[in-house]
Full PDB file with SEQRES, HELIX, SHEET, SSBOND, CRYST1, ORIGX, SCALE, CONECT and MASTER records, all heavy atoms in Angstrom:
SEQRES   1 A   33  ALA LEU ASP VAL THR ASP VAL VAL PHE GLU PRO ALA GLY          
SEQRES   2 A   33  MET ARG LEU ARG ILE ASN ARG SER LYS THR ASP GLN LYS          
SEQRES   3 A   33  GLY VAL GLY ARG THR VAL GLY                                  
HELIX    1 AA1 VAL A    4  ASP A    6  5                                   3    
SHEET    1 AA1 3 VAL A   7  GLU A  10  0                                        
SHEET    2 AA1 3 GLY A  13  ILE A  18 -1                                        
SHEET    3 AA1 3 ARG A  30  VAL A  32 -1                                        
CRYST1    1.000    1.000    1.000  90.00  90.00  90.00 P 1           1          
ORIGX1      1.000000  0.000000  0.000000        0.00000                         
ORIGX2      0.000000  1.000000  0.000000        0.00000                         
ORIGX3      0.000000  0.000000  1.000000        0.00000                         
SCALE1      1.000000  0.000000  0.000000        0.00000                         
SCALE2      0.000000  1.000000  0.000000        0.00000                         
SCALE3      0.000000  0.000000  1.000000        0.00000                         
ATOM      1  N   ALA A   1      30.371  24.851 -29.013  1.00  0.00           N  
ATOM      2  CA  ALA A   1      30.319  24.214 -30.330  1.00  0.00           C  
ATOM      3  C   ALA A   1      30.423  22.697 -30.240  1.00  0.00           C  
ATOM      4  O   ALA A   1      30.173  21.997 -31.237  1.00  0.00           O  
ATOM      5  CB  ALA A   1      31.425  24.756 -31.231  1.00  0.00           C  
ATOM      6  N   LEU A   2      30.771  22.172 -29.072  1.00  0.00           N  
ATOM      7  CA  LEU A   2      30.916  20.724 -28.916  1.00  0.00           C  
ATOM      8  C   LEU A   2      29.587  20.009 -29.121  1.00  0.00           C  
ATOM      9  O   LEU A   2      28.550  20.424 -28.593  1.00  0.00           O  
ATOM     10  CB  LEU A   2      31.458  20.386 -27.523  1.00  0.00           C  
ATOM     11  CG  LEU A   2      32.939  20.680 -27.257  1.00  0.00           C  
ATOM     12  CD1 LEU A   2      33.241  20.503 -25.775  1.00  0.00           C  
ATOM     13  CD2 LEU A   2      33.830  19.772 -28.102  1.00  0.00           C  
ATOM     14  N   ASP A   3      29.622  18.930 -29.872  1.00  0.00           N  
ATOM     15  CA  ASP A   3      28.488  18.027 -30.019  1.00  0.00           C  
ATOM     16  C   ASP A   3      28.730  16.784 -29.177  1.00  0.00           C  
ATOM     17  O   ASP A   3      29.875  16.479 -28.793  1.00  0.00           O  
ATOM     18  CB  ASP A   3      28.296  17.619 -31.479  1.00  0.00           C  
ATOM     19  CG  ASP A   3      27.712  18.744 -32.331  1.00  0.00           C  
ATOM     20  OD1 ASP A   3      27.009  19.605 -31.762  1.00  0.00           O  
ATOM     21  OD2 ASP A   3      27.960  18.752 -33.550  1.00  0.00           O  
ATOM     22  N   VAL A   4      27.674  16.065 -28.926  1.00  0.00           N  
ATOM     23  CA  VAL A   4      27.784  14.813 -28.177  1.00  0.00           C  
ATOM     24  C   VAL A   4      28.776  13.868 -28.849  1.00  0.00           C  
ATOM     25  O   VAL A   4      29.567  13.189 -28.195  1.00  0.00           O  
ATOM     26  CB  VAL A   4      26.392  14.152 -28.051  1.00  0.00           C  
ATOM     27  CG1 VAL A   4      26.517  12.742 -27.492  1.00  0.00           C  
ATOM     28  CG2 VAL A   4      25.477  15.007 -27.173  1.00  0.00           C  
ATOM     29  N   THR A   5      28.763  13.845 -30.166  1.00  0.00           N  
ATOM     30  CA  THR A   5      29.644  12.950 -30.918  1.00  0.00           C  
ATOM     31  C   THR A   5      31.107  13.390 -30.897  1.00  0.00           C  
ATOM     32  O   THR A   5      31.978  12.641 -31.354  1.00  0.00           O  
ATOM     33  CB  THR A   5      29.177  12.840 -32.384  1.00  0.00           C  
ATOM     34  OG1 THR A   5      29.022  14.162 -32.929  1.00  0.00           O  
ATOM     35  CG2 THR A   5      27.840  12.116 -32.460  1.00  0.00           C  
ATOM     36  N   ASP A   6      31.378  14.588 -30.385  1.00  0.00           N  
ATOM     37  CA  ASP A   6      32.767  15.057 -30.280  1.00  0.00           C  
ATOM     38  C   ASP A   6      33.438  14.551 -29.013  1.00  0.00           C  
ATOM     39  O   ASP A   6      34.629  14.825 -28.792  1.00  0.00           O  
ATOM     40  CB  ASP A   6      32.813  16.591 -30.288  1.00  0.00           C  
ATOM     41  CG  ASP A   6      32.381  17.181 -31.622  1.00  0.00           C  
ATOM     42  OD1 ASP A   6      32.654  16.552 -32.653  1.00  0.00           O  
ATOM     43  OD2 ASP A   6      31.763  18.273 -31.611  1.00  0.00           O  
ATOM     44  N   VAL A   7      32.698  13.844 -28.169  1.00  0.00           N  
ATOM     45  CA  VAL A   7      33.221  13.360 -26.896  1.00  0.00           C  
ATOM     46  C   VAL A   7      33.339  11.833 -26.953  1.00  0.00           C  
ATOM     47  O   VAL A   7      32.358  11.137 -27.220  1.00  0.00           O  
ATOM     48  CB  VAL A   7      32.304  13.755 -25.722  1.00  0.00           C  
ATOM     49  CG1 VAL A   7      32.882  13.275 -24.402  1.00  0.00           C  
ATOM     50  CG2 VAL A   7      32.098  15.268 -25.703  1.00  0.00           C  
ATOM     51  N   VAL A   8      34.542  11.337 -26.722  1.00  0.00           N  
ATOM     52  CA  VAL A   8      34.794   9.890 -26.744  1.00  0.00           C  
ATOM     53  C   VAL A   8      35.441   9.499 -25.424  1.00  0.00           C  
ATOM     54  O   VAL A   8      36.483  10.053 -25.041  1.00  0.00           O  
ATOM     55  CB  VAL A   8      35.718   9.501 -27.915  1.00  0.00           C  
ATOM     56  CG1 VAL A   8      36.015   7.997 -27.884  1.00  0.00           C  
ATOM     57  CG2 VAL A   8      35.096   9.894 -29.251  1.00  0.00           C  
ATOM     58  N   PHE A   9      34.830   8.551 -24.731  1.00  0.00           N  
ATOM     59  CA  PHE A   9      35.364   8.076 -23.452  1.00  0.00           C  
ATOM     60  C   PHE A   9      36.260   6.863 -23.674  1.00  0.00           C  
ATOM     61  O   PHE A   9      35.956   5.979 -24.473  1.00  0.00           O  
ATOM     62  CB  PHE A   9      34.223   7.715 -22.496  1.00  0.00           C  
ATOM     63  CG  PHE A   9      33.402   8.896 -22.057  1.00  0.00           C  
ATOM     64  CD1 PHE A   9      32.157   9.146 -22.621  1.00  0.00           C  
ATOM     65  CD2 PHE A   9      33.882   9.773 -21.089  1.00  0.00           C  
ATOM     66  CE1 PHE A   9      31.401  10.230 -22.224  1.00  0.00           C  
ATOM     67  CE2 PHE A   9      33.133  10.864 -20.687  1.00  0.00           C  
ATOM     68  CZ  PHE A   9      31.886  11.090 -21.258  1.00  0.00           C  
ATOM     69  N   GLU A  10      37.367   6.832 -22.931  1.00  0.00           N  
ATOM     70  CA  GLU A  10      38.316   5.727 -22.959  1.00  0.00           C  
ATOM     71  C   GLU A  10      38.692   5.392 -21.520  1.00  0.00           C  
ATOM     72  O   GLU A  10      38.417   6.186 -20.611  1.00  0.00           O  
ATOM     73  CB  GLU A  10      39.570   6.116 -23.760  1.00  0.00           C  
ATOM     74  CG  GLU A  10      39.293   6.479 -25.209  1.00  0.00           C  
ATOM     75  CD  GLU A  10      40.557   6.904 -25.938  1.00  0.00           C  
ATOM     76  OE1 GLU A  10      41.641   6.879 -25.324  1.00  0.00           O  
ATOM     77  OE2 GLU A  10      40.460   7.254 -27.131  1.00  0.00           O  
ATOM     78  N   PRO A  11      39.337   4.254 -21.282  1.00  0.00           N  
ATOM     79  CA  PRO A  11      39.728   3.924 -19.901  1.00  0.00           C  
ATOM     80  C   PRO A  11      40.600   4.995 -19.249  1.00  0.00           C  
ATOM     81  O   PRO A  11      40.487   5.250 -18.044  1.00  0.00           O  
ATOM     82  CB  PRO A  11      40.508   2.616 -20.079  1.00  0.00           C  
ATOM     83  CG  PRO A  11      39.911   1.996 -21.296  1.00  0.00           C  
ATOM     84  CD  PRO A  11      39.593   3.146 -22.207  1.00  0.00           C  
ATOM     85  N   ALA A  12      41.447   5.651 -20.034  1.00  0.00           N  
ATOM     86  CA  ALA A  12      42.358   6.652 -19.464  1.00  0.00           C  
ATOM     87  C   ALA A  12      41.706   8.016 -19.279  1.00  0.00           C  
ATOM     88  O   ALA A  12      42.240   8.871 -18.571  1.00  0.00           O  
ATOM     89  CB  ALA A  12      43.595   6.796 -20.342  1.00  0.00           C  
ATOM     90  N   GLY A  13      40.558   8.229 -19.912  1.00  0.00           N  
ATOM     91  CA  GLY A  13      39.916   9.530 -19.808  1.00  0.00           C  
ATOM     92  C   GLY A  13      38.960   9.794 -20.950  1.00  0.00           C  
ATOM     93  O   GLY A  13      38.238   8.890 -21.376  1.00  0.00           O  
ATOM     94  N   MET A  14      38.965  11.002 -21.480  1.00  0.00           N  
ATOM     95  CA  MET A  14      38.072  11.358 -22.571  1.00  0.00           C  
ATOM     96  C   MET A  14      38.810  12.207 -23.605  1.00  0.00           C  
ATOM     97  O   MET A  14      39.730  12.953 -23.290  1.00  0.00           O  
ATOM     98  CB  MET A  14      36.850  12.124 -22.037  1.00  0.00           C  
ATOM     99  CG  MET A  14      37.186  13.398 -21.298  1.00  0.00           C  
ATOM    100  SD  MET A  14      35.790  14.103 -20.364  1.00  0.00           S  
ATOM    101  CE  MET A  14      34.683  14.535 -21.681  1.00  0.00           C  
ATOM    102  N   ARG A  15      38.379  12.051 -24.853  1.00  0.00           N  
ATOM    103  CA  ARG A  15      38.927  12.843 -25.947  1.00  0.00           C  
ATOM    104  C   ARG A  15      37.849  13.801 -26.443  1.00  0.00           C  
ATOM    105  O   ARG A  15      36.706  13.404 -26.632  1.00  0.00           O  
ATOM    106  CB  ARG A  15      39.373  11.947 -27.107  1.00  0.00           C  
ATOM    107  CG  ARG A  15      40.557  11.039 -26.787  1.00  0.00           C  
ATOM    108  CD  ARG A  15      40.857  10.134 -27.972  1.00  0.00           C  
ATOM    109  NE  ARG A  15      41.924   9.217 -27.667  1.00  0.00           N  
ATOM    110  CZ  ARG A  15      43.210   9.417 -27.985  1.00  0.00           C  
ATOM    111  NH1 ARG A  15      43.545  10.536 -28.628  1.00  0.00           N  
ATOM    112  NH2 ARG A  15      44.134   8.531 -27.680  1.00  0.00           N  
ATOM    113  N   LEU A  16      38.251  15.054 -26.650  1.00  0.00           N  
ATOM    114  CA  LEU A  16      37.348  16.059 -27.196  1.00  0.00           C  
ATOM    115  C   LEU A  16      37.836  16.433 -28.590  1.00  0.00           C  
ATOM    116  O   LEU A  16      39.012  16.752 -28.775  1.00  0.00           O  
ATOM    117  CB  LEU A  16      37.336  17.320 -26.324  1.00  0.00           C  
ATOM    118  CG  LEU A  16      37.016  17.160 -24.844  1.00  0.00           C  
ATOM    119  CD1 LEU A  16      37.138  18.504 -24.146  1.00  0.00           C  
ATOM    120  CD2 LEU A  16      35.634  16.583 -24.660  1.00  0.00           C  
ATOM    121  N   ARG A  17      36.935  16.410 -29.550  1.00  0.00           N  
ATOM    122  CA  ARG A  17      37.271  16.834 -30.896  1.00  0.00           C  
ATOM    123  C   ARG A  17      36.845  18.280 -31.063  1.00  0.00           C  
ATOM    124  O   ARG A  17      35.644  18.607 -31.044  1.00  0.00           O  
ATOM    125  CB  ARG A  17      36.567  15.960 -31.932  1.00  0.00           C  
ATOM    126  CG  ARG A  17      36.766  16.393 -33.385  1.00  0.00           C  
ATOM    127  CD  ARG A  17      38.202  16.278 -33.822  1.00  0.00           C  
ATOM    128  NE  ARG A  17      38.384  16.728 -35.208  1.00  0.00           N  
ATOM    129  CZ  ARG A  17      39.565  16.829 -35.798  1.00  0.00           C  
ATOM    130  NH1 ARG A  17      40.664  16.495 -35.123  1.00  0.00           N  
ATOM    131  NH2 ARG A  17      39.653  17.244 -37.051  1.00  0.00           N  
ATOM    132  N   ILE A  18      37.832  19.185 -31.199  1.00  0.00           N  
ATOM    133  CA  ILE A  18      37.566  20.607 -31.428  1.00  0.00           C  
ATOM    134  C   ILE A  18      37.619  20.819 -32.933  1.00  0.00           C  
ATOM    135  O   ILE A  18      38.699  20.800 -33.535  1.00  0.00           O  
ATOM    136  CB  ILE A  18      38.596  21.498 -30.717  1.00  0.00           C  
ATOM    137  CG1 ILE A  18      38.752  21.086 -29.245  1.00  0.00           C  
ATOM    138  CG2 ILE A  18      38.204  22.961 -30.837  1.00  0.00           C  
ATOM    139  CD1 ILE A  18      37.495  21.174 -28.440  1.00  0.00           C  
ATOM    140  N   ASN A  19      36.471  20.985 -33.549  1.00  0.00           N  
ATOM    141  CA  ASN A  19      36.401  21.034 -35.008  1.00  0.00           C  
ATOM    142  C   ASN A  19      36.836  22.365 -35.605  1.00  0.00           C  
ATOM    143  O   ASN A  19      37.320  22.417 -36.742  1.00  0.00           O  
ATOM    144  CB  ASN A  19      34.975  20.711 -35.469  1.00  0.00           C  
ATOM    145  CG  ASN A  19      34.602  19.281 -35.126  1.00  0.00           C  
ATOM    146  OD1 ASN A  19      35.264  18.342 -35.538  1.00  0.00           O  
ATOM    147  ND2 ASN A  19      33.547  19.117 -34.337  1.00  0.00           N  
ATOM    148  N   ARG A  20      36.660  23.423 -34.851  1.00  0.00           N  
ATOM    149  CA  ARG A  20      37.027  24.754 -35.369  1.00  0.00           C  
ATOM    150  C   ARG A  20      37.272  25.681 -34.180  1.00  0.00           C  
ATOM    151  O   ARG A  20      36.642  25.539 -33.142  1.00  0.00           O  
ATOM    152  CB  ARG A  20      35.910  25.318 -36.252  1.00  0.00           C  
ATOM    153  CG  ARG A  20      36.272  26.583 -37.013  1.00  0.00           C  
ATOM    154  CD  ARG A  20      35.097  27.070 -37.847  1.00  0.00           C  
ATOM    155  NE  ARG A  20      34.738  26.143 -38.888  1.00  0.00           N  
ATOM    156  CZ  ARG A  20      35.290  26.134 -40.101  1.00  0.00           C  
ATOM    157  NH1 ARG A  20      36.222  27.008 -40.403  1.00  0.00           N  
ATOM    158  NH2 ARG A  20      34.888  25.272 -41.013  1.00  0.00           N  
ATOM    159  N   SER A  21      38.182  26.611 -34.361  1.00  0.00           N  
ATOM    160  CA  SER A  21      38.466  27.550 -33.291  1.00  0.00           C  
ATOM    161  C   SER A  21      38.895  28.883 -33.872  1.00  0.00           C  
ATOM    162  O   SER A  21      39.029  29.041 -35.091  1.00  0.00           O  
ATOM    163  CB  SER A  21      39.573  27.008 -32.363  1.00  0.00           C  
ATOM    164  OG  SER A  21      40.809  26.954 -33.042  1.00  0.00           O  
ATOM    165  N   LYS A  22      39.144  29.841 -32.995  1.00  0.00           N  
ATOM    166  CA  LYS A  22      39.519  31.194 -33.400  1.00  0.00           C  
ATOM    167  C   LYS A  22      40.779  31.185 -34.258  1.00  0.00           C  
ATOM    168  O   LYS A  22      40.894  31.961 -35.207  1.00  0.00           O  
ATOM    169  CB  LYS A  22      39.735  32.048 -32.146  1.00  0.00           C  
ATOM    170  CG  LYS A  22      40.137  33.481 -32.407  1.00  0.00           C  
ATOM    171  CD  LYS A  22      40.324  34.207 -31.096  1.00  0.00           C  
ATOM    172  CE  LYS A  22      40.774  35.648 -31.315  1.00  0.00           C  
ATOM    173  NZ  LYS A  22      40.968  36.358 -30.020  1.00  0.00           N  
ATOM    174  N   THR A  23      41.738  30.312 -33.935  1.00  0.00           N  
ATOM    175  CA  THR A  23      42.995  30.254 -34.677  1.00  0.00           C  
ATOM    176  C   THR A  23      43.004  29.129 -35.706  1.00  0.00           C  
ATOM    177  O   THR A  23      44.044  28.819 -36.273  1.00  0.00           O  
ATOM    178  CB  THR A  23      44.181  30.069 -33.701  1.00  0.00           C  
ATOM    179  OG1 THR A  23      43.950  28.905 -32.895  1.00  0.00           O  
ATOM    180  CG2 THR A  23      44.327  31.281 -32.799  1.00  0.00           C  
ATOM    181  N   ASP A  24      41.836  28.532 -35.951  1.00  0.00           N  
ATOM    182  CA  ASP A  24      41.734  27.429 -36.920  1.00  0.00           C  
ATOM    183  C   ASP A  24      40.466  27.611 -37.738  1.00  0.00           C  
ATOM    184  O   ASP A  24      39.534  26.815 -37.668  1.00  0.00           O  
ATOM    185  CB  ASP A  24      41.730  26.071 -36.186  1.00  0.00           C  
ATOM    186  CG  ASP A  24      41.526  24.894 -37.132  1.00  0.00           C  
ATOM    187  OD1 ASP A  24      41.897  25.006 -38.317  1.00  0.00           O  
ATOM    188  OD2 ASP A  24      40.975  23.869 -36.691  1.00  0.00           O  
ATOM    189  N   GLN A  25      40.413  28.717 -38.517  1.00  0.00           N  
ATOM    190  CA  GLN A  25      39.210  29.032 -39.277  1.00  0.00           C  
ATOM    191  C   GLN A  25      38.992  28.071 -40.444  1.00  0.00           C  
ATOM    192  O   GLN A  25      37.887  27.995 -40.989  1.00  0.00           O  
ATOM    193  CB  GLN A  25      39.291  30.470 -39.791  1.00  0.00           C  
ATOM    194  CG  GLN A  25      39.291  31.515 -38.680  1.00  0.00           C  
ATOM    195  CD  GLN A  25      38.028  31.468 -37.836  1.00  0.00           C  
ATOM    196  OE1 GLN A  25      36.948  31.189 -38.331  1.00  0.00           O  
ATOM    197  NE2 GLN A  25      38.162  31.732 -36.547  1.00  0.00           N  
ATOM    198  N   LYS A  26      40.028  27.334 -40.840  1.00  0.00           N  
ATOM    199  CA  LYS A  26      39.879  26.383 -41.937  1.00  0.00           C  
ATOM    200  C   LYS A  26      39.270  25.067 -41.485  1.00  0.00           C  
ATOM    201  O   LYS A  26      38.958  24.203 -42.299  1.00  0.00           O  
ATOM    202  CB  LYS A  26      41.230  26.123 -42.604  1.00  0.00           C  
ATOM    203  CG  LYS A  26      41.813  27.352 -43.301  1.00  0.00           C  
ATOM    204  CD  LYS A  26      43.126  27.027 -43.986  1.00  0.00           C  
ATOM    205  CE  LYS A  26      43.687  28.247 -44.693  1.00  0.00           C  
ATOM    206  NZ  LYS A  26      44.996  27.959 -45.349  1.00  0.00           N  
ATOM    207  N   GLY A  27      39.112  24.895 -40.181  1.00  0.00           N  
ATOM    208  CA  GLY A  27      38.467  23.698 -39.668  1.00  0.00           C  
ATOM    209  C   GLY A  27      39.325  22.451 -39.714  1.00  0.00           C  
ATOM    210  O   GLY A  27      38.814  21.337 -39.877  1.00  0.00           O  
ATOM    211  N   VAL A  28      40.647  22.614 -39.565  1.00  0.00           N  
ATOM    212  CA  VAL A  28      41.533  21.445 -39.511  1.00  0.00           C  
ATOM    213  C   VAL A  28      41.212  20.606 -38.285  1.00  0.00           C  
ATOM    214  O   VAL A  28      41.171  19.387 -38.337  1.00  0.00           O  
ATOM    215  CB  VAL A  28      43.016  21.891 -39.502  1.00  0.00           C  
ATOM    216  CG1 VAL A  28      43.938  20.694 -39.327  1.00  0.00           C  
ATOM    217  CG2 VAL A  28      43.352  22.631 -40.795  1.00  0.00           C  
ATOM    218  N   GLY A  29      40.949  21.271 -37.179  1.00  0.00           N  
ATOM    219  CA  GLY A  29      40.551  20.583 -35.951  1.00  0.00           C  
ATOM    220  C   GLY A  29      41.737  20.104 -35.130  1.00  0.00           C  
ATOM    221  O   GLY A  29      42.873  20.031 -35.608  1.00  0.00           O  
ATOM    222  N   ARG A  30      41.455  19.801 -33.881  1.00  0.00           N  
ATOM    223  CA  ARG A  30      42.461  19.236 -32.986  1.00  0.00           C  
ATOM    224  C   ARG A  30      41.757  18.403 -31.932  1.00  0.00           C  
ATOM    225  O   ARG A  30      40.534  18.512 -31.732  1.00  0.00           O  
ATOM    226  CB  ARG A  30      43.305  20.339 -32.332  1.00  0.00           C  
ATOM    227  CG  ARG A  30      42.518  21.294 -31.440  1.00  0.00           C  
ATOM    228  CD  ARG A  30      43.383  22.467 -30.988  1.00  0.00           C  
ATOM    229  NE  ARG A  30      42.627  23.402 -30.159  1.00  0.00           N  
ATOM    230  CZ  ARG A  30      42.561  23.332 -28.841  1.00  0.00           C  
ATOM    231  NH1 ARG A  30      43.229  22.376 -28.186  1.00  0.00           N  
ATOM    232  NH2 ARG A  30      41.833  24.200 -28.152  1.00  0.00           N  
ATOM    233  N   THR A  31      42.521  17.547 -31.265  1.00  0.00           N  
ATOM    234  CA  THR A  31      41.973  16.684 -30.226  1.00  0.00           C  
ATOM    235  C   THR A  31      42.563  17.070 -28.881  1.00  0.00           C  
ATOM    236  O   THR A  31      43.775  17.257 -28.756  1.00  0.00           O  
ATOM    237  CB  THR A  31      42.279  15.210 -30.529  1.00  0.00           C  
ATOM    238  OG1 THR A  31      41.664  14.848 -31.772  1.00  0.00           O  
ATOM    239  CG2 THR A  31      41.735  14.313 -29.433  1.00  0.00           C  
ATOM    240  N   VAL A  32      41.710  17.195 -27.894  1.00  0.00           N  
ATOM    241  CA  VAL A  32      42.126  17.536 -26.537  1.00  0.00           C  
ATOM    242  C   VAL A  32      41.817  16.353 -25.630  1.00  0.00           C  
ATOM    243  O   VAL A  32      40.709  15.802 -25.665  1.00  0.00           O  
ATOM    244  CB  VAL A  32      41.385  18.795 -26.030  1.00  0.00           C  
ATOM    245  CG1 VAL A  32      41.709  19.052 -24.564  1.00  0.00           C  
ATOM    246  CG2 VAL A  32      41.751  20.004 -26.883  1.00  0.00           C  
ATOM    247  N   GLY A  33      42.773  15.954 -24.849  1.00  0.00           N  
ATOM    248  CA  GLY A  33      42.574  14.855 -23.914  1.00  0.00           C  
ATOM    249  C   GLY A  33      42.372  15.350 -22.495  1.00  0.00           C  
ATOM    250  O   GLY A  33      43.024  16.300 -22.068  1.00  0.00           O  
TER     251      GLY A  33                                                      
MASTER        0    0    0    1    3    0    0    6  250    1    0    3          
END                                                                             
């Protein structure tokens, strides 16, 4: 489900925006580093 725009690079690494998941059907989302 990841889009190109869900990936952000920073000097320390990268951030992934998880917009929806099995336990987040309302689409609150979370960020994974």
